[in-house]
Protein backbone atom coordinates (compact mmCIF):
# COMPACT_ATOMS: atom_id res chain seq x y z
CA MET A 1 15.35 0.20 28.97
CA THR A 2 13.93 1.76 32.15
CA GLN A 3 16.21 4.16 32.24
CA LEU A 4 16.28 5.27 28.76
CA GLN A 5 12.08 6.23 30.44
CA HIS A 6 13.40 7.94 32.94
CA ARG A 7 15.45 10.55 30.96
CA VAL A 8 12.55 11.24 28.67
CA VAL A 9 9.76 12.06 31.18
CA LEU A 10 11.93 15.17 34.09
CA HIS A 11 10.38 15.70 36.78
CA ALA A 12 6.06 16.70 37.22
CA TYR A 13 5.27 20.49 36.52
CA VAL A 14 2.65 21.40 39.14
CA THR A 15 1.10 25.02 38.39
CA GLU A 16 -2.31 26.10 40.07
CA LYS A 17 -4.03 25.44 36.83
CA SER A 18 -2.29 22.32 36.67
CA MET A 19 -4.26 20.74 39.78
CA ASP A 20 -7.18 21.84 39.55
CA GLU A 21 -6.71 20.35 36.16
CA MET A 22 -5.48 17.21 37.97
CA GLU A 23 -8.86 17.18 39.77
CA ARG A 24 -11.58 17.77 37.94
CA LEU A 25 -9.99 17.02 34.15
CA ASN A 26 -7.82 14.09 35.30
CA LYS A 27 -4.99 15.48 33.69
CA LEU A 28 -1.20 15.67 34.91
CA GLU A 29 2.06 18.24 33.48
CA PHE A 30 5.21 16.72 33.34
CA VAL A 31 8.36 18.52 31.74
CA VAL A 32 9.83 16.04 29.62
CA ASP A 33 13.28 16.50 27.14
CA ALA A 34 12.90 19.06 24.32
CA ARG A 35 13.61 16.09 22.18
CA ALA A 36 10.78 13.75 22.98
CA ASN A 37 8.09 13.29 20.80
CA ARG A 38 4.51 12.92 21.88
CA ALA A 39 5.06 8.36 20.66
CA ALA A 40 7.80 8.35 23.46
CA ILE A 41 6.08 10.10 26.37
CA LYS A 42 3.17 8.03 26.17
CA ARG A 43 6.13 5.41 26.22
CA ALA A 44 8.24 6.36 29.39
CA ILE A 45 5.21 7.43 31.13
CA GLU A 46 2.15 4.33 30.61
CA GLU A 47 5.77 2.85 31.71
CA ILE A 48 7.03 4.34 34.92
CA TYR A 49 3.08 5.45 35.92
CA HIS A 50 1.83 1.69 34.98
CA CYS A 51 -1.13 3.82 33.36
CA ARG A 52 -2.81 4.07 30.34
CA VAL A 53 -2.66 7.61 28.59
CA ALA A 54 -5.74 8.75 27.02
CA LYS A 55 -4.00 11.96 25.07
CA ILE A 56 -0.90 14.29 25.09
CA ASN A 57 -0.73 18.34 24.71
CA VAL A 58 2.72 19.19 23.93
CA LYS A 59 3.60 23.19 24.38
CA ILE A 60 6.92 24.49 24.25
CA VAL A 61 8.05 27.45 26.57
CA ARG A 62 10.71 29.16 28.38
CA LEU A 63 11.31 26.20 30.63
CA GLY A 64 11.16 23.81 27.94
CA LYS A 65 8.85 21.42 26.76
CA ILE A 66 5.79 20.41 29.28
CA ALA A 67 3.76 17.04 28.15
CA THR A 68 0.25 17.67 29.38
CA VAL A 69 -1.19 13.98 30.00
CA ARG A 70 -5.16 12.91 30.64
CA PHE A 71 -4.96 9.55 31.52
CA ALA A 72 -8.01 6.44 31.04
CA LYS A 73 -11.04 6.79 33.33
CA GLU A 74 -9.62 4.02 35.60
CA PHE A 75 -6.92 5.43 36.07
CA SER A 76 -6.69 8.65 38.77
CA ALA A 77 -4.50 11.26 38.20
CA GLU A 78 -4.58 12.28 41.93
CA ASP A 79 -2.91 8.85 42.45
CA ILE A 80 -0.41 8.79 39.41
CA GLY A 81 0.89 12.40 41.12
CA SER A 82 1.61 10.88 44.75
CA ARG A 83 3.80 8.88 43.23
CA ALA A 84 4.85 11.45 40.96
CA GLY A 85 5.42 13.44 43.51
CA VAL A 86 3.51 16.26 43.21
CA PHE A 87 2.38 16.13 47.03
């Protein structure tokens, strides 16, 4: 089951805007599988990083599908970002 979750979330997506959102709004961006829906992305993020997701926004760009994930207040996006390889 864990391998399937890793196929949904491909890698972290890092830009200046995403770094600013990480600090100010407790959000991170991830490149995800184009076939994944919000529920699958939420389950995968919560299982991989052992956190709670508050909200997910999804956008489709030329690169693929990017999910912007806002975490619950008790979880820090900076800590999760360090585990995701953002730094």
